[in-house]
C-alpha atoms as a PDB file:
ATOM      1  CA  MET A   1      19.255 -26.409  -7.808  1.00  0.00           C
ATOM      2  CA  ASN A   2      21.244 -23.150  -7.783  1.00  0.00           C
ATOM      3  CA  ASP A   3      21.125 -22.649 -11.563  1.00  0.00           C
ATOM      4  CA  TYR A   4      17.329 -22.250 -11.897  1.00  0.00           C
ATOM      5  CA  THR A   5      15.730 -18.833 -12.407  1.00  0.00           C
ATOM      6  CA  ILE A   6      11.956 -18.556 -12.476  1.00  0.00           C
ATOM      7  CA  PRO A   7      10.690 -17.211 -15.844  1.00  0.00           C
ATOM      8  CA  ALA A   8      10.631 -13.402 -16.081  1.00  0.00           C
ATOM      9  CA  ALA A   9       6.929 -13.402 -17.105  1.00  0.00           C
ATOM     10  CA  THR A  10       5.929 -15.137 -13.844  1.00  0.00           C
ATOM     11  CA  ARG A  11       3.348 -13.178 -11.825  1.00  0.00           C
ATOM     12  CA  ILE A  12       1.682 -13.614  -8.448  1.00  0.00           C
ATOM     13  CA  GLY A  13      -1.849 -14.421  -9.565  1.00  0.00           C
ATOM     14  CA  HIS A  14      -4.009 -14.022  -6.467  1.00  0.00           C
ATOM     15  CA  ILE A  15      -4.119 -14.168  -2.709  1.00  0.00           C
ATOM     16  CA  HIS A  16      -6.568 -16.137  -0.606  1.00  0.00           C
ATOM     17  CA  LEU A  17      -7.224 -14.736   2.864  1.00  0.00           C
ATOM     18  CA  LYS A  18      -8.740 -16.388   5.902  1.00  0.00           C
ATOM     19  CA  VAL A  19     -11.216 -13.931   7.399  1.00  0.00           C
ATOM     20  CA  SER A  20     -13.466 -14.067  10.437  1.00  0.00           C
ATOM     21  CA  ASP A  21     -16.553 -12.397   8.949  1.00  0.00           C
ATOM     22  CA  LEU A  22     -17.108 -12.710   5.206  1.00  0.00           C
ATOM     23  CA  GLN A  23     -19.594  -9.849   4.871  1.00  0.00           C
ATOM     24  CA  ARG A  24     -17.388  -7.483   6.841  1.00  0.00           C
ATOM     25  CA  SER A  25     -14.470  -8.350   4.559  1.00  0.00           C
ATOM     26  CA  LEU A  26     -16.619  -7.840   1.457  1.00  0.00           C
ATOM     27  CA  ASP A  27     -17.688  -4.454   2.831  1.00  0.00           C
ATOM     28  CA  PHE A  28     -14.002  -3.521   3.034  1.00  0.00           C
ATOM     29  CA  TYR A  29     -12.582  -5.004  -0.181  1.00  0.00           C
ATOM     30  CA  GLN A  30     -15.653  -4.490  -2.354  1.00  0.00           C
ATOM     31  CA  GLY A  31     -17.440  -1.576  -0.704  1.00  0.00           C
ATOM     32  CA  LEU A  32     -14.444   0.548   0.301  1.00  0.00           C
ATOM     33  CA  LEU A  33     -11.593  -0.470  -2.032  1.00  0.00           C
ATOM     34  CA  GLY A  34     -13.868  -1.065  -5.035  1.00  0.00           C
ATOM     35  CA  PHE A  35     -13.131  -4.671  -6.005  1.00  0.00           C
ATOM     36  CA  GLU A  36     -15.926  -6.429  -7.887  1.00  0.00           C
ATOM     37  CA  LEU A  37     -17.589  -9.603  -6.630  1.00  0.00           C
ATOM     38  CA  VAL A  38     -16.992 -12.350  -9.188  1.00  0.00           C
ATOM     39  CA  THR A  39     -18.726 -15.202  -7.398  1.00  0.00           C
ATOM     40  CA  MET A  40     -19.635 -16.640  -4.053  1.00  0.00           C
ATOM     41  CA  TYR A  41     -18.315 -20.112  -3.304  1.00  0.00           C
ATOM     42  CA  GLY A  42     -21.076 -21.396  -1.074  1.00  0.00           C
ATOM     43  CA  GLN A  43     -21.782 -19.226   1.959  1.00  0.00           C
ATOM     44  CA  ASP A  44     -18.264 -19.210   3.324  1.00  0.00           C
ATOM     45  CA  ALA A  45     -16.102 -17.855   0.487  1.00  0.00           C
ATOM     46  CA  ALA A  46     -16.093 -15.077  -2.085  1.00  0.00           C
ATOM     47  CA  PHE A  47     -13.884 -14.301  -5.055  1.00  0.00           C
ATOM     48  CA  ILE A  48     -13.318 -10.670  -5.997  1.00  0.00           C
ATOM     49  CA  SER A  49     -11.328  -8.961  -8.732  1.00  0.00           C
ATOM     50  CA  ALA A  50     -10.515  -5.833 -10.661  1.00  0.00           C
ATOM     51  CA  GLY A  51     -11.522  -5.719 -14.293  1.00  0.00           C
ATOM     52  CA  GLY A  52     -13.246  -9.082 -14.611  1.00  0.00           C
ATOM     53  CA  TYR A  53     -10.321 -11.406 -13.796  1.00  0.00           C
ATOM     54  CA  HIS A  54     -11.537 -14.690 -12.240  1.00  0.00           C
ATOM     55  CA  HIS A  55     -10.168 -13.523  -8.892  1.00  0.00           C
ATOM     56  CA  HIS A  56      -7.399 -11.438  -7.471  1.00  0.00           C
ATOM     57  CA  ILE A  57      -8.519 -12.000  -3.891  1.00  0.00           C
ATOM     58  CA  GLY A  58     -10.248 -14.994  -2.366  1.00  0.00           C
ATOM     59  CA  LEU A  59     -11.877 -14.520   1.026  1.00  0.00           C
ATOM     60  CA  ASN A  60     -12.981 -17.467   3.142  1.00  0.00           C
ATOM     61  CA  THR A  61     -14.127 -18.387   6.626  1.00  0.00           C
ATOM     62  CA  TRP A  62     -13.504 -22.135   6.249  1.00  0.00           C
ATOM     63  CA  GLN A  63     -11.087 -22.281   9.193  1.00  0.00           C
ATOM     64  CA  SER A  64     -11.445 -18.803  10.629  1.00  0.00           C
ATOM     65  CA  LYS A  65     -15.140 -17.920  11.078  1.00  0.00           C
ATOM     66  CA  GLY A  66     -15.458 -15.786  14.200  1.00  0.00           C
ATOM     67  CA  GLY A  67     -11.717 -16.075  14.799  1.00  0.00           C
ATOM     68  CA  LYS A  68      -9.264 -13.532  16.102  1.00  0.00           C
ATOM     69  CA  PRO A  69      -6.558 -11.826  14.029  1.00  0.00           C
ATOM     70  CA  ALA A  70      -3.182 -13.542  13.887  1.00  0.00           C
ATOM     71  CA  PRO A  71      -0.680 -12.139  16.392  1.00  0.00           C
ATOM     72  CA  LYS A  72       1.638  -9.503  14.876  1.00  0.00           C
ATOM     73  CA  ASN A  73       4.794 -11.052  16.347  1.00  0.00           C
ATOM     74  CA  THR A  74       4.464 -14.416  14.597  1.00  0.00           C
ATOM     75  CA  ALA A  75       5.461 -15.633  11.152  1.00  0.00           C
ATOM     76  CA  GLY A  76       2.957 -15.111   8.355  1.00  0.00           C
ATOM     77  CA  LEU A  77       1.839 -12.679   5.709  1.00  0.00           C
ATOM     78  CA  PHE A  78       3.071  -9.107   6.270  1.00  0.00           C
ATOM     79  CA  HIS A  79       0.744  -7.470   3.755  1.00  0.00           C
ATOM     80  CA  THR A  80      -1.033  -7.846   0.454  1.00  0.00           C
ATOM     81  CA  ALA A  81       0.296  -5.304  -2.031  1.00  0.00           C
ATOM     82  CA  ILE A  82      -2.292  -4.003  -4.496  1.00  0.00           C
ATOM     83  CA  LEU A  83      -0.667  -2.336  -7.516  1.00  0.00           C
ATOM     84  CA  LEU A  84      -2.749   0.477  -8.992  1.00  0.00           C
ATOM     85  CA  PRO A  85      -2.249   1.614 -12.602  1.00  0.00           C
ATOM     86  CA  THR A  86      -1.584   5.312 -11.950  1.00  0.00           C
ATOM     87  CA  ARG A  87      -0.693   7.838  -9.284  1.00  0.00           C
ATOM     88  CA  ARG A  88      -4.136   9.367  -9.740  1.00  0.00           C
ATOM     89  CA  ASP A  89      -5.753   6.006  -8.937  1.00  0.00           C
ATOM     90  CA  LEU A  90      -3.791   5.879  -5.685  1.00  0.00           C
ATOM     91  CA  ALA A  91      -4.898   9.450  -4.904  1.00  0.00           C
ATOM     92  CA  VAL A  92      -8.562   8.577  -5.515  1.00  0.00           C
ATOM     93  CA  LEU A  93      -8.355   5.615  -3.117  1.00  0.00           C
ATOM     94  CA  LEU A  94      -6.499   7.676  -0.517  1.00  0.00           C
ATOM     95  CA  LYS A  95      -9.193  10.369  -0.646  1.00  0.00           C
ATOM     96  CA  ARG A  96     -11.873   7.691  -0.341  1.00  0.00           C
ATOM     97  CA  LEU A  97     -10.173   6.257   2.751  1.00  0.00           C
ATOM     98  CA  LEU A  98      -9.731   9.710   4.291  1.00  0.00           C
ATOM     99  CA  ASP A  99     -13.351  10.649   3.552  1.00  0.00           C
ATOM    100  CA  GLU A 100     -14.500   7.450   5.283  1.00  0.00           C
ATOM    101  CA  LYS A 101     -12.081   8.147   8.165  1.00  0.00           C
ATOM    102  CA  TYR A 102     -10.587   4.680   7.655  1.00  0.00           C
ATOM    103  CA  PRO A 103      -7.391   4.413   9.727  1.00  0.00           C
ATOM    104  CA  LEU A 104      -4.107   4.300   7.846  1.00  0.00           C
ATOM    105  CA  THR A 105      -1.082   2.564   9.327  1.00  0.00           C
ATOM    106  CA  GLY A 106       1.469   4.346   7.158  1.00  0.00           C
ATOM    107  CA  ALA A 107       2.383   6.128   3.955  1.00  0.00           C
ATOM    108  CA  ALA A 108       5.727   6.128   2.167  1.00  0.00           C
ATOM    109  CA  ASP A 109       7.691   7.129  -0.880  1.00  0.00           C
ATOM    110  CA  HIS A 110       9.924   4.169  -1.767  1.00  0.00           C
ATOM    111  CA  GLY A 111      11.629   5.794  -4.742  1.00  0.00           C
ATOM    112  CA  VAL A 112      10.325   3.160  -7.146  1.00  0.00           C
ATOM    113  CA  SER A 113       6.774   3.552  -5.831  1.00  0.00           C
ATOM    114  CA  GLU A 114       4.455   5.504  -3.574  1.00  0.00           C
ATOM    115  CA  ALA A 115       2.333   3.609  -1.070  1.00  0.00           C
ATOM    116  CA  ILE A 116      -0.290   3.883   1.614  1.00  0.00           C
ATOM    117  CA  TYR A 117      -0.754   1.219   4.254  1.00  0.00           C
ATOM    118  CA  LEU A 118      -3.753   0.057   6.230  1.00  0.00           C
ATOM    119  CA  ASP A 119      -5.187  -3.063   7.825  1.00  0.00           C
ATOM    120  CA  ASP A 120      -8.289  -4.873   6.673  1.00  0.00           C
ATOM    121  CA  PRO A 121     -10.966  -5.710   9.297  1.00  0.00           C
ATOM    122  CA  ASP A 122      -9.032  -8.874  10.278  1.00  0.00           C
ATOM    123  CA  GLU A 123      -5.797  -6.892  10.679  1.00  0.00           C
ATOM    124  CA  ASN A 124      -4.303  -8.310   7.487  1.00  0.00           C
ATOM    125  CA  GLY A 125      -1.894  -5.666   6.219  1.00  0.00           C
ATOM    126  CA  VAL A 126      -2.780  -3.997   2.917  1.00  0.00           C
ATOM    127  CA  GLU A 127      -0.450  -1.878   0.784  1.00  0.00           C
ATOM    128  CA  LEU A 128      -2.030   0.263  -1.923  1.00  0.00           C
ATOM    129  CA  TYR A 129       0.629   1.558  -4.304  1.00  0.00           C
ATOM    130  CA  TRP A 130       1.612   2.647  -7.781  1.00  0.00           C
ATOM    131  CA  ASP A 131       4.975   2.133  -9.454  1.00  0.00           C
ATOM    132  CA  ARG A 132       6.809   5.049 -10.964  1.00  0.00           C
ATOM    133  CA  PRO A 133       7.901   4.450 -14.562  1.00  0.00           C
ATOM    134  CA  ARG A 134      11.024   2.261 -14.597  1.00  0.00           C
ATOM    135  CA  GLU A 135      13.121   5.042 -16.148  1.00  0.00           C
ATOM    136  CA  GLU A 136      12.430   7.150 -13.012  1.00  0.00           C
ATOM    137  CA  TRP A 137      13.566   4.519 -10.510  1.00  0.00           C
ATOM    138  CA  PRO A 138      16.539   5.736  -8.457  1.00  0.00           C
ATOM    139  CA  LEU A 139      19.736   3.752  -8.931  1.00  0.00           C
ATOM    140  CA  ASN A 140      22.767   3.176  -6.773  1.00  0.00           C
ATOM    141  CA  PRO A 141      26.211   3.937  -8.258  1.00  0.00           C
ATOM    142  CA  ASP A 142      26.584   0.230  -9.149  1.00  0.00           C
ATOM    143  CA  GLY A 143      23.330   0.346 -11.184  1.00  0.00           C
ATOM    144  CA  SER A 144      21.210  -1.604  -8.690  1.00  0.00           C
ATOM    145  CA  ILE A 145      17.805  -0.224  -7.720  1.00  0.00           C
ATOM    146  CA  GLN A 146      17.872   2.153  -4.765  1.00  0.00           C
ATOM    147  CA  MET A 147      14.789   1.676  -2.604  1.00  0.00           C
ATOM    148  CA  TYR A 148      14.140   3.688   0.515  1.00  0.00           C
ATOM    149  CA  THR A 149      11.351   4.726   2.846  1.00  0.00           C
ATOM    150  CA  ARG A 150      10.737   8.464   2.912  1.00  0.00           C
ATOM    151  CA  GLN A 151       7.760  10.586   3.850  1.00  0.00           C
ATOM    152  CA  LEU A 152       5.022  10.485   1.236  1.00  0.00           C
ATOM    153  CA  ASP A 153       3.921  13.863  -0.100  1.00  0.00           C
ATOM    154  CA  ILE A 154       0.234  13.369   0.773  1.00  0.00           C
ATOM    155  CA  ASN A 155      -0.794  16.827  -0.445  1.00  0.00           C
ATOM    156  CA  GLY A 156       1.046  16.329  -3.727  1.00  0.00           C
ATOM    157  CA  LEU A 157      -0.634  12.963  -4.155  1.00  0.00           C
ATOM    158  CA  LEU A 158      -4.094  14.378  -3.435  1.00  0.00           C
ATOM    159  CA  ALA A 159      -3.430  17.190  -5.937  1.00  0.00           C
ATOM    160  CA  GLU A 160      -3.693  14.510  -8.645  1.00  0.00           C
ATOM    161  CA  ILE A 161      -7.517  14.614  -8.291  1.00  0.00           C
END
């Protein structure tokens, strides 16, 4: 089993989240972040996407309607990372969040990317980020990628818009 490598073209296709209130989650993902509703799956699930894909995010209340958020100190999903095409796109979303006074949980420059962090209404972590071009990624002396967590230049990011 040690000699298998997953194909390089493999991608994470979508995430399906258990939520406590479907409309509240749609208000966040669709209304605030701008995802498009693709379809409702009965009254307890919705599929949303960017750009007409069948779904990037599934939201359902099948086992979680009216439930409480999962405790932070237990195993589970840390965050959903949403990759935006450009730095400007990240700036537009950041401004939108700031204008709506939506609470952020963090912001960071990771060398390879810049990111802002927040929680959805069910306290599922969300990372909104853009990747720098590969040729700009910092490298260690041995050629491996050097990732770090440094303060994000918020003003520089917002200057993109």
